Protein backbone atom coordinates (compact mmCIF):
# COMPACT_ATOMS: atom_id res chain seq x y z
CA MET A 1 34.43 -63.45 -5.16
CA LYS A 2 37.26 -61.75 -6.98
CA ARG A 3 38.98 -59.10 -4.85
CA LEU A 4 39.40 -55.69 -6.57
CA PRO A 5 42.82 -54.08 -6.57
CA GLY A 6 43.28 -51.35 -3.95
CA ALA A 7 43.73 -48.61 -6.56
CA ARG A 8 40.43 -49.49 -8.24
CA VAL A 9 38.63 -49.46 -4.87
CA LYS A 10 39.98 -46.01 -4.14
CA ARG A 11 38.89 -44.74 -7.57
CA LEU A 12 35.44 -46.26 -7.12
CA LEU A 13 35.01 -44.68 -3.68
CA ALA A 14 36.22 -41.33 -4.99
CA GLY A 15 33.69 -41.51 -7.82
CA LEU A 16 30.86 -42.31 -5.42
CA MET A 17 31.84 -39.45 -3.12
CA ALA A 18 32.01 -37.03 -6.07
CA ALA A 19 28.55 -38.10 -7.22
CA ALA A 20 27.20 -37.59 -3.71
CA LEU A 21 28.73 -34.11 -3.51
CA LEU A 22 27.23 -33.13 -6.86
CA ALA A 23 23.83 -34.08 -5.50
CA LEU A 24 24.17 -31.94 -2.39
CA PRO A 25 23.44 -28.39 -3.70
CA PRO A 26 19.79 -29.10 -4.65
CA LEU A 27 19.27 -30.85 -1.33
CA LEU A 28 20.83 -28.01 0.64
CA SER A 29 18.67 -25.51 -1.21
CA LEU A 30 15.51 -26.96 0.31
CA PRO A 31 14.18 -25.07 3.34
CA ALA A 32 14.50 -26.81 6.68
CA LEU A 33 10.75 -26.60 7.21
CA ALA A 34 7.96 -27.79 4.94
CA VAL A 35 7.02 -25.20 2.31
CA GLN A 36 3.78 -23.36 3.04
CA ARG A 37 1.69 -21.66 0.40
CA ALA A 38 1.14 -17.92 0.88
CA ALA A 39 -1.93 -15.88 -0.09
CA PRO A 40 -2.34 -16.02 -3.89
CA ILE A 41 -1.67 -13.10 -6.23
CA ARG A 42 -4.34 -12.28 -8.81
CA VAL A 43 -3.12 -11.29 -12.28
CA VAL A 44 -5.64 -9.19 -14.24
CA TYR A 45 -5.16 -8.83 -18.00
CA PRO A 46 -7.11 -6.61 -20.43
CA ALA A 47 -10.00 -8.42 -22.11
CA PRO A 48 -10.24 -10.88 -23.74
CA VAL A 49 -7.20 -12.46 -22.02
CA ALA A 50 -8.30 -14.57 -19.05
CA ASN A 51 -7.07 -13.63 -15.59
CA GLU A 52 -4.89 -16.02 -13.61
CA ILE A 53 -3.61 -16.77 -10.12
CA ILE A 54 -0.03 -17.30 -8.98
CA THR A 55 0.80 -18.65 -5.54
CA PRO A 56 3.90 -17.54 -3.60
CA VAL A 57 5.39 -19.59 -0.77
CA TRP A 58 6.54 -18.81 2.75
CA LEU A 59 10.27 -19.30 3.34
CA ASP A 60 11.59 -18.39 6.80
CA GLY A 61 8.60 -16.12 7.40
CA VAL A 62 8.94 -14.22 4.09
CA ARG A 63 6.83 -14.50 0.92
CA TYR A 64 8.77 -15.68 -2.14
CA VAL A 65 7.53 -15.91 -5.73
CA SER A 66 8.78 -18.25 -8.44
CA THR A 67 10.81 -16.75 -11.28
CA ASN A 68 8.93 -19.17 -13.56
CA ASP A 69 5.73 -17.29 -12.66
CA LEU A 70 7.44 -13.92 -13.15
CA ALA A 71 8.72 -14.94 -16.57
CA ARG A 72 5.27 -16.12 -17.67
CA VAL A 73 3.31 -13.15 -16.30
CA PHE A 74 5.68 -10.45 -17.58
CA ARG A 75 6.50 -12.26 -20.85
CA ALA A 76 10.17 -12.43 -19.93
CA THR A 77 12.86 -14.72 -21.31
CA LYS A 78 14.63 -16.79 -18.65
CA TYR A 79 18.22 -18.09 -18.65
CA TRP A 80 19.51 -20.42 -15.91
CA ARG A 81 23.19 -21.21 -15.45
CA PRO A 82 23.32 -24.02 -12.87
CA GLU A 83 27.13 -24.06 -12.64
CA LEU A 84 27.07 -20.40 -11.47
CA ARG A 85 23.67 -20.61 -9.72
CA LYS A 86 22.65 -17.51 -11.67
CA LEU A 87 19.32 -16.75 -13.32
CA SER A 88 18.67 -13.94 -15.82
CA LEU A 89 15.29 -12.48 -16.78
CA ARG A 90 15.10 -10.51 -20.02
CA LEU A 91 12.24 -7.98 -19.73
CA GLY A 92 12.04 -6.05 -22.98
CA ASP A 93 15.20 -3.93 -23.19
CA HIS A 94 16.25 -4.76 -19.63
CA THR A 95 18.01 -7.72 -18.03
CA VAL A 96 17.81 -8.68 -14.36
CA ARG A 97 20.44 -11.10 -13.06
CA PHE A 98 19.78 -12.99 -9.82
CA THR A 99 22.29 -15.13 -7.92
CA VAL A 100 21.00 -17.84 -5.58
CA ASP A 101 21.80 -17.08 -1.91
CA ALA A 102 23.20 -13.61 -2.76
CA PRO A 103 21.15 -10.45 -2.06
CA VAL A 104 22.74 -8.30 -4.77
CA VAL A 105 20.99 -8.28 -8.15
CA LEU A 106 22.23 -6.70 -11.38
CA VAL A 107 19.67 -4.61 -13.26
CA ASP A 108 21.28 -4.08 -16.65
CA GLU A 109 24.70 -3.03 -15.32
CA ASP A 110 23.56 -1.45 -12.03
CA ALA A 111 23.82 -3.34 -8.73
CA LYS A 112 20.68 -3.33 -6.56
CA ASN A 113 20.25 -4.77 -3.07
CA LEU A 114 17.29 -7.12 -2.59
CA VAL A 115 18.19 -7.44 1.13
CA LEU A 116 16.78 -10.98 1.04
CA SER A 117 18.54 -13.52 -1.20
CA PRO A 118 16.96 -15.59 -3.98
CA ARG A 119 16.46 -19.25 -3.05
CA LEU A 120 16.65 -22.50 -5.02
CA LEU A 121 13.67 -24.71 -4.24
CA GLN A 122 13.08 -28.03 -5.99
CA GLY A 123 14.83 -26.85 -9.15
CA GLU A 124 13.13 -23.42 -9.29
CA VAL A 125 14.61 -20.07 -8.33
CA TYR A 126 12.37 -18.12 -5.96
CA VAL A 127 12.84 -14.39 -5.23
CA PRO A 128 11.32 -12.23 -2.46
CA GLU A 129 7.83 -11.02 -3.36
CA THR A 130 9.07 -7.45 -2.79
CA VAL A 131 10.68 -7.56 -6.25
CA LEU A 132 7.22 -6.90 -7.73
CA ALA A 133 7.29 -3.37 -6.33
CA GLN A 134 10.97 -3.02 -7.20
CA PHE A 135 10.38 -3.99 -10.85
CA LEU A 136 8.05 -0.99 -11.08
CA GLU A 137 10.37 1.34 -9.14
CA TRP A 138 13.28 0.41 -11.40
CA GLY A 139 11.23 1.07 -14.55
CA LEU A 140 11.38 -2.53 -15.74
CA ILE A 141 7.59 -2.92 -15.99
CA THR A 142 5.68 -0.05 -17.59
CA ASN A 143 2.42 -1.73 -18.61
CA ALA A 144 1.24 -3.02 -15.23
CA THR A 145 0.62 -1.98 -11.63
CA TRP A 146 1.15 -3.96 -8.40
CA ASP A 147 -1.50 -3.38 -5.73
CA GLU A 148 0.05 -4.94 -2.63
CA PRO A 149 -2.91 -4.52 -0.21
CA ILE A 150 -5.28 -6.49 -2.46
CA ARG A 151 -2.45 -8.62 -3.93
CA THR A 152 -3.23 -7.87 -7.58
CA ILE A 153 -1.05 -7.36 -10.65
CA ARG A 154 -3.12 -5.39 -13.16
CA PHE A 155 -2.05 -4.91 -16.79
CA ARG A 156 -3.06 -1.78 -18.67
CA ALA A 157 -5.07 -1.79 -21.87
CA PRO A 158 -2.89 -1.10 -24.93
CA VAL A 159 -5.02 1.93 -25.92
CA HIS A 160 -5.02 4.54 -23.16
CA THR A 161 -8.18 6.48 -22.37
CA VAL A 162 -6.49 9.61 -20.98
CA ARG A 163 -3.82 11.18 -23.18
CA GLN A 164 -1.68 14.30 -23.63
CA ALA A 165 -2.26 15.89 -20.22
CA GLN A 166 -0.97 19.48 -20.01
CA LEU A 167 -1.05 22.45 -17.62
CA TRP A 168 -2.07 25.96 -18.72
CA VAL A 169 -2.09 29.23 -16.76
CA ARG A 170 -4.59 31.81 -18.00
CA GLY A 171 -4.79 34.83 -15.72
CA HIS A 172 -6.41 33.76 -12.45
CA VAL A 173 -7.17 30.23 -13.71
CA THR A 174 -4.79 27.28 -13.71
CA GLU A 175 -6.06 24.39 -15.84
CA ILE A 176 -5.06 20.77 -16.36
CA SER A 177 -6.48 19.47 -19.65
CA ALA A 178 -6.30 16.08 -21.34
CA THR A 179 -7.80 14.22 -24.28
CA LEU A 180 -10.27 11.41 -23.55
CA LEU A 181 -10.60 8.53 -26.01
CA ARG A 182 -13.86 7.45 -24.40
CA SER A 183 -16.34 8.97 -21.99
CA LEU A 184 -15.28 8.55 -18.38
CA PRO A 185 -17.12 10.37 -15.60
CA PRO A 186 -14.63 11.96 -13.18
CA ARG A 187 -15.09 11.43 -9.46
CA VAL A 188 -13.91 14.14 -7.08
CA LEU A 189 -12.45 12.28 -4.10
CA TYR A 190 -11.91 15.45 -2.09
CA ALA A 191 -11.31 19.15 -2.66
CA THR A 192 -9.81 21.05 0.28
CA PRO A 193 -8.09 24.46 0.57
CA THR A 194 -4.74 22.73 0.08
CA GLU A 195 -5.46 19.84 -2.31
CA VAL A 196 -7.77 18.57 -5.05
CA ARG A 197 -7.88 14.84 -5.89
CA LEU A 198 -10.05 13.18 -8.52
CA LEU A 199 -10.30 9.79 -10.20
CA PHE A 200 -11.28 8.45 -13.62
CA GLU A 201 -12.35 5.03 -12.47
CA GLY A 202 -11.07 2.23 -14.69
CA GLY A 203 -9.14 4.57 -16.99
CA THR A 204 -5.58 4.26 -18.25
CA ILE A 205 -3.05 6.97 -19.15
CA ASP A 206 -0.43 7.26 -21.87
CA THR A 207 2.23 8.93 -19.69
CA ALA A 208 2.34 9.91 -16.02
CA ARG A 209 3.09 13.62 -15.67
CA VAL A 210 4.14 16.15 -13.04
CA PHE A 211 2.89 19.76 -13.19
CA ALA A 212 3.64 23.09 -11.51
CA GLY A 213 2.39 26.60 -12.25
CA GLY A 214 -0.18 29.19 -11.26
CA VAL A 215 -1.97 28.13 -8.08
CA VAL A 216 -0.82 24.52 -8.53
CA GLN A 217 2.24 24.09 -6.35
CA LEU A 218 2.69 20.48 -7.43
CA GLY A 219 0.40 18.34 -9.54
CA THR A 220 0.52 14.75 -10.73
CA ILE A 221 -1.59 12.66 -13.07
CA ARG A 222 -0.85 8.95 -12.88
CA GLU A 223 -2.38 5.52 -13.16
CA THR A 224 -3.36 3.56 -10.04
CA GLN A 225 -5.17 0.27 -9.52
CA ASP A 226 -8.42 2.29 -9.43
CA GLY A 227 -7.92 4.22 -12.66
CA VAL A 228 -6.35 7.56 -13.61
CA GLU A 229 -5.81 9.79 -10.58
CA THR A 230 -5.09 13.52 -10.61
CA ARG A 231 -3.71 15.15 -7.46
CA LEU A 232 -3.10 18.91 -7.23
CA LEU A 233 -1.32 20.45 -4.24
CA LEU A 234 -2.41 24.09 -4.11
CA THR A 235 -0.86 27.38 -3.03
CA PRO A 236 -2.48 29.31 -0.14
CA ASP A 237 -4.15 31.65 -2.69
CA ALA A 238 -6.43 28.94 -4.14
CA LYS A 239 -10.14 29.67 -3.66
CA GLY A 240 -12.14 27.33 -5.91
CA TYR A 241 -12.08 24.51 -8.46
CA SER A 242 -14.09 23.08 -11.35
CA VAL A 243 -14.11 19.79 -13.26
CA THR A 244 -15.69 19.46 -16.71
CA VAL A 245 -15.79 16.76 -19.38
CA ALA A 246 -17.03 17.80 -22.82
CA ALA A 247 -16.21 16.95 -26.43
CA ASN A 248 -13.73 14.25 -25.37
CA ARG A 249 -11.82 16.77 -23.30
CA LEU A 250 -11.10 16.78 -19.57
CA LYS A 251 -10.55 20.10 -17.80
CA VAL A 252 -9.62 20.44 -14.12
CA ALA A 253 -9.30 24.11 -13.20
CA VAL A 254 -8.33 25.94 -10.02
CA THR A 255 -8.65 29.70 -9.38
CA ASP A 256 -7.43 32.27 -6.87
CA ASP A 257 -10.29 34.64 -7.82
CA LYS A 258 -12.97 34.60 -5.12
CA ASP A 259 -15.38 36.46 -7.44
CA LEU A 260 -15.45 33.43 -9.76
CA VAL A 261 -16.41 31.33 -6.75
CA SER A 262 -19.08 33.80 -5.63
CA ALA A 263 -20.55 33.76 -9.14
CA GLY A 264 -20.89 29.99 -9.00
CA ILE A 265 -18.47 29.39 -11.87
CA PHE A 266 -16.08 27.57 -9.51
CA SER A 267 -16.94 25.43 -6.48
CA PRO A 268 -15.43 26.56 -3.17
CA LEU A 269 -12.49 24.70 -1.63
CA GLU A 270 -13.67 23.71 1.84
CA PRO A 271 -12.02 21.85 4.72
CA ILE A 272 -13.05 18.25 5.42
CA SER A 273 -14.92 17.86 8.67
CA LEU A 274 -14.33 14.83 10.88
CA ALA A 275 -16.91 16.04 13.38
CA GLY A 276 -19.75 13.82 14.49
CA ALA A 277 -23.48 14.50 14.47
CA ASP A 278 -23.06 17.02 17.30
CA GLY A 279 -20.62 19.06 15.22
CA LYS A 280 -17.67 18.17 17.45
CA PHE A 281 -14.70 15.88 16.99
CA GLY A 282 -14.84 13.85 20.17
CA THR A 283 -13.97 10.14 19.80
CA VAL A 284 -11.12 8.21 18.20
CA VAL A 285 -11.09 4.39 18.06
CA LEU A 286 -7.63 2.80 17.95
CA ASP A 287 -7.27 -0.79 16.81
CA PRO A 288 -4.05 -2.55 17.94
CA GLY A 289 -3.54 -5.27 15.33
CA HIS A 290 -3.44 -9.00 16.20
CA GLY A 291 -3.63 -10.26 19.81
CA GLY A 292 -4.19 -13.48 21.73
CA GLY A 293 -3.41 -16.50 19.58
CA ASP A 294 -2.57 -14.24 16.64
CA SER A 295 0.96 -13.03 17.40
CA GLY A 296 1.51 -11.23 14.10
CA ALA A 297 5.09 -10.80 12.91
CA THR A 298 8.20 -11.39 14.99
CA LEU A 299 9.99 -8.04 15.02
CA PRO A 300 13.73 -7.31 15.18
CA GLY A 301 14.86 -7.96 18.74
CA GLY A 302 12.31 -10.74 19.19
CA GLN A 303 9.27 -8.64 20.18
CA LEU A 304 5.90 -9.86 18.89
CA GLU A 305 3.82 -7.55 16.73
CA LYS A 306 0.73 -8.04 18.92
CA ASP A 307 2.59 -6.56 21.91
CA ALA A 308 4.15 -3.72 19.92
CA THR A 309 0.83 -2.64 18.40
CA LEU A 310 -0.78 -2.42 21.84
CA ASP A 311 2.11 -0.28 23.06
CA PHE A 312 1.90 1.87 19.91
CA ALA A 313 -1.87 2.39 20.35
CA ARG A 314 -1.35 3.47 23.95
CA GLN A 315 1.28 5.97 22.82
CA ILE A 316 -1.13 7.43 20.24
CA ARG A 317 -3.91 7.57 22.86
CA ALA A 318 -1.68 9.55 25.21
CA GLU A 319 -0.74 12.05 22.48
CA LEU A 320 -4.33 12.50 21.21
CA THR A 321 -5.65 12.97 24.73
CA ASP A 322 -2.94 15.52 25.49
CA LYS A 323 -3.21 17.53 22.25
CA LEU A 324 -6.93 17.29 21.46
CA GLY A 325 -8.59 16.28 24.70
CA VAL A 326 -10.64 13.66 22.88
CA ARG A 327 -12.06 10.38 24.08
CA VAL A 328 -9.95 7.44 22.85
CA VAL A 329 -11.25 3.85 22.79
CA LEU A 330 -9.08 0.79 22.07
CA THR A 331 -10.56 -2.30 20.43
CA ARG A 332 -8.46 -4.33 22.87
CA GLU A 333 -6.72 -3.32 26.08
CA ALA A 334 -4.98 -6.65 26.66
CA ASP A 335 -3.47 -9.64 24.87
CA ILE A 336 -6.76 -11.16 23.70
CA ASP A 337 -8.25 -12.43 20.44
CA VAL A 338 -10.56 -9.92 18.77
CA PRO A 339 -11.99 -11.03 15.38
CA LEU A 340 -11.98 -8.46 12.57
CA SER A 341 -15.78 -8.35 12.56
CA ARG A 342 -15.81 -7.58 16.29
CA ARG A 343 -13.28 -4.76 15.82
CA ALA A 344 -15.67 -3.13 13.34
CA GLU A 345 -18.59 -3.67 15.70
CA ILE A 346 -16.69 -1.94 18.51
CA ALA A 347 -15.86 0.94 16.17
CA ASN A 348 -19.47 1.48 15.09
CA GLU A 349 -21.01 0.88 18.52
CA THR A 350 -18.68 3.55 19.92
CA ARG A 351 -20.04 6.07 17.37
CA GLY A 352 -16.53 7.38 16.82
CA ASP A 353 -15.30 10.12 14.52
CA LEU A 354 -12.04 8.45 13.41
CA PHE A 355 -10.78 4.85 13.32
CA ILE A 356 -7.05 4.02 13.16
CA SER A 357 -5.76 0.44 12.90
CA VAL A 358 -2.07 0.10 13.80
CA HIS A 359 0.36 -2.61 12.67
CA LEU A 360 4.10 -3.25 12.48
CA ASP A 361 5.85 -4.96 9.59
CA ALA A 362 8.86 -7.21 10.04
CA GLU A 363 9.48 -7.64 6.30
CA GLY A 364 9.53 -3.89 5.80
CA ALA A 365 12.03 -3.65 8.64
CA LEU A 366 14.54 -5.44 6.46
CA ARG A 367 14.27 -2.56 3.99
CA GLN A 368 15.61 -0.15 6.62
CA GLY A 369 12.35 0.92 8.15
CA GLY A 370 9.53 3.12 6.98
CA PHE A 371 5.81 3.87 7.17
CA ARG A 372 2.91 2.70 5.04
CA VAL A 373 -0.44 4.45 5.41
CA TYR A 374 -3.56 2.85 3.92
CA ALA A 375 -7.12 3.90 3.16
CA LEU A 376 -9.92 1.95 1.54
CA SER A 377 -9.90 1.98 -2.26
CA PRO A 378 -12.43 4.49 -3.65
CA SER A 379 -13.55 1.98 -6.31
CA LEU A 380 -14.45 -1.32 -4.69
CA PRO A 381 -16.30 -4.15 -6.44
CA ALA A 382 -20.01 -4.26 -5.71
CA SER A 383 -20.89 -6.01 -2.48
CA THR A 384 -22.18 -9.55 -2.84
CA GLY A 385 -22.67 -10.28 0.85
CA ALA A 386 -26.03 -10.27 2.54
CA ASP A 387 -24.78 -9.07 5.93
CA ARG A 388 -25.74 -5.51 6.69
CA ILE A 389 -24.65 -3.15 9.40
CA PRO A 390 -27.10 -0.82 11.19
CA LEU A 391 -25.74 2.72 11.35
CA GLY A 392 -28.01 3.80 14.21
CA MET A 393 -25.71 2.40 16.89
CA ASN A 394 -27.30 3.41 20.16
CA GLY A 395 -29.31 0.34 21.07
CA ASP A 396 -32.28 1.65 19.05
CA PHE A 397 -32.24 0.52 15.43
CA GLY A 398 -35.74 1.76 14.65
CA GLY A 399 -35.61 3.62 11.34
CA ALA A 400 -31.82 3.27 11.15
CA GLU A 401 -30.23 3.26 7.74
CA LEU A 402 -28.83 -0.14 6.78
CA ARG A 403 -25.78 -0.58 4.57
CA PRO A 404 -23.91 -3.64 3.33
CA TRP A 405 -21.54 -4.78 6.05
CA ASP A 406 -18.56 -4.87 3.70
CA SER A 407 -19.11 -1.43 2.15
CA ALA A 408 -20.03 0.83 5.07
CA GLN A 409 -16.74 2.70 4.52
CA ALA A 410 -17.51 3.49 0.86
CA SER A 411 -19.49 6.69 1.53
CA VAL A 412 -16.59 8.28 3.46
CA ALA A 413 -13.70 6.81 1.43
CA GLY A 414 -12.70 10.27 0.15
CA ASN A 415 -12.43 11.70 3.66
CA SER A 416 -10.39 8.68 4.74
CA MET A 417 -8.05 9.15 1.79
CA ALA A 418 -7.58 12.83 2.57
CA LEU A 419 -6.63 12.14 6.19
CA ALA A 420 -4.42 9.16 5.31
CA GLN A 421 -2.56 11.27 2.75
CA ALA A 422 -2.18 14.08 5.30
CA ILE A 423 -0.70 11.67 7.86
CA ALA A 424 1.66 10.22 5.23
CA ASP A 425 2.78 13.75 4.30
CA GLY A 426 3.21 14.65 7.97
CA LEU A 427 5.39 11.58 8.57
CA SER A 428 7.49 12.50 5.51
CA ARG A 429 8.11 15.95 6.96
CA GLY A 430 8.80 14.64 10.45
CA PHE A 431 11.07 11.78 9.37
CA PRO A 432 12.71 12.98 6.13
CA GLN A 433 15.20 10.11 5.99
CA THR A 434 12.57 7.38 6.38
CA PRO A 435 10.52 6.01 3.43
CA VAL A 436 6.79 6.83 3.60
CA THR A 437 4.17 5.51 1.17
CA PHE A 438 0.40 5.91 0.86
CA HIS A 439 -1.77 3.13 -0.60
CA THR A 440 -5.42 2.36 -1.20
CA GLY A 441 -6.90 -1.11 -1.44
CA ARG A 442 -9.53 -3.50 -0.16
CA ILE A 443 -8.67 -3.70 3.54
CA SER A 444 -10.89 -5.99 5.60
CA VAL A 445 -10.65 -4.18 8.93
CA LEU A 446 -11.58 -0.82 7.37
CA GLU A 447 -14.48 -1.81 5.09
CA PRO A 448 -17.20 -2.19 7.76
CA VAL A 449 -16.35 1.06 9.61
CA ALA A 450 -19.02 3.70 8.99
CA TYR A 451 -16.82 6.79 9.45
CA PRO A 452 -13.31 7.84 8.30
CA ALA A 453 -10.86 4.98 8.85
CA ILE A 454 -7.19 4.42 8.06
CA LEU A 455 -4.47 1.85 8.74
CA ILE A 456 -0.83 2.61 9.48
CA GLU A 457 1.99 0.09 9.30
CA VAL A 458 5.36 0.89 10.87
CA ALA A 459 8.47 -0.98 9.74
CA PRO A 460 11.39 -0.70 12.18
CA PRO A 461 14.91 -1.44 10.95
CA PRO A 462 16.75 -4.47 12.33
CA ARG A 463 18.31 -3.60 15.68
CA GLY A 464 19.04 -5.51 18.82
CA ALA A 465 16.86 -5.09 21.90
CA PRO A 466 16.06 -2.81 23.63
CA GLU A 467 16.24 -0.55 20.55
CA ALA A 468 14.35 -2.96 18.34
CA MET A 469 11.43 -0.56 17.91
CA SER A 470 13.54 2.50 17.07
CA LEU A 471 13.06 3.90 13.58
CA ARG A 472 16.41 5.39 12.57
CA GLY A 473 16.63 6.98 16.00
CA TYR A 474 12.88 7.73 16.31
CA SER A 475 10.73 5.91 18.84
CA LEU A 476 7.09 4.87 18.55
CA ARG A 477 6.28 7.79 20.82
CA ASP A 478 7.80 10.16 18.25
CA VAL A 479 5.66 8.55 15.55
CA ALA A 480 2.56 8.92 17.75
CA LYS A 481 3.39 12.61 18.32
CA SER A 482 3.69 13.21 14.57
CA MET A 483 0.33 11.54 13.90
CA ALA A 484 -1.44 13.49 16.65
CA GLN A 485 0.06 16.75 15.37
CA THR A 486 -1.14 16.05 11.81
CA ILE A 487 -4.67 15.19 12.99
CA GLN A 488 -4.73 18.42 15.02
CA GLU A 489 -3.69 20.46 11.96
CA PHE A 490 -6.25 18.61 9.81
CA LEU A 491 -9.01 19.54 12.23
CA LYS A 492 -7.98 23.20 12.18
CA GLY A 493 -9.23 23.46 8.61
CA GLY A 494 -6.38 22.67 6.29
CA GLY A 495 -8.00 19.45 5.17
CA ALA A 496 -5.35 17.43 3.39
């Protein structure tokens, strides 16, 4: 065999090493653990376009979605520069620039912090699923909504059914009016002395608006996953309300004239009652999320969610017992497995007046903490299950009304929404520097509960133990105090 000169050997080895190094970045971009598929996201388009499913993946305990899917779903143009490890998405007039393994993203020319970095996986750039909400917050997507609880992206119809909403003040009557392009029956979710909320189920709106004037302290009309929602926060002078739809015109009116209410022209604004059949508010059921083999999330500081939720529920129990003197029942008192169906059974067997499921969110913690309060969506798909839940829960089911197991909550969804919104507002007042959001959706643990039910999720910021559960200086006990105070005020008659 002919021996190669030393110089040629060195050049050959250098070339092989260079080739190996060029191959390393894609290999290093793979996660250390096998990729796991996360719960799918449903994408709903206006007819006749067929709906589709996209599937995120779990990377290091966080859900990531492919930018290929984002580009397809939002009709974006994608540019990938492998030498810079940068990917750009062109969404209409806006451009979003991601950099692999860097948390800062450029939206047009503004820098935004994703907190979690994009990742390169098998030749595709994946970004944290939280960008779906951020695309909406940043105004990049205007023709779709993202419903996180039921994991659905829903695109609006091109022709909006509710248009040109305006506020008018005429003497003692404050009126919100809008044009309707097709007949949509309005549904009053609740009407209390402090707030009126109604829904045009399945409707769309041309432009979200904010109102103020007359007895409307603050009003909004916006599109949600359920349809077009109108929410009016009222001044203390408000006495009654009316909702009419005629000649393709919507009118929502509020008055401070009690004579108009007495004459039956306006319906009275009345507090929501959470009292049971005996007319008293006496029992609250608290549901500490997870337990047993289901550890939930791993929180900052290493604490498991299942342990933190049990501690949180005990804190709420102490505050409710102290402030209201009510009976409080926990769906679990120890670290045990309790199936979702059994949690609902406990709730209904207890014949409670209020159900609260408590959770903590590790992903939200990375966004500097916050609170998310949930209630069941007021417009759920029709039940297809055969299971039914008896509402006469005292060992005697004779003559008891039976309802579908997965829609027992539907008849009190408005009351649940009112209380959930009140708790969200109370948390906003109590913790003004901490993000608070209110959502509705299809939530498994709430659906079978036959009386008002809500879910709260607390997201602590990343801190080292023993302060891992502190929310910007506030403890879980402080959160429990705020919730108990809001429930007490709600029961006094303010409603929402």
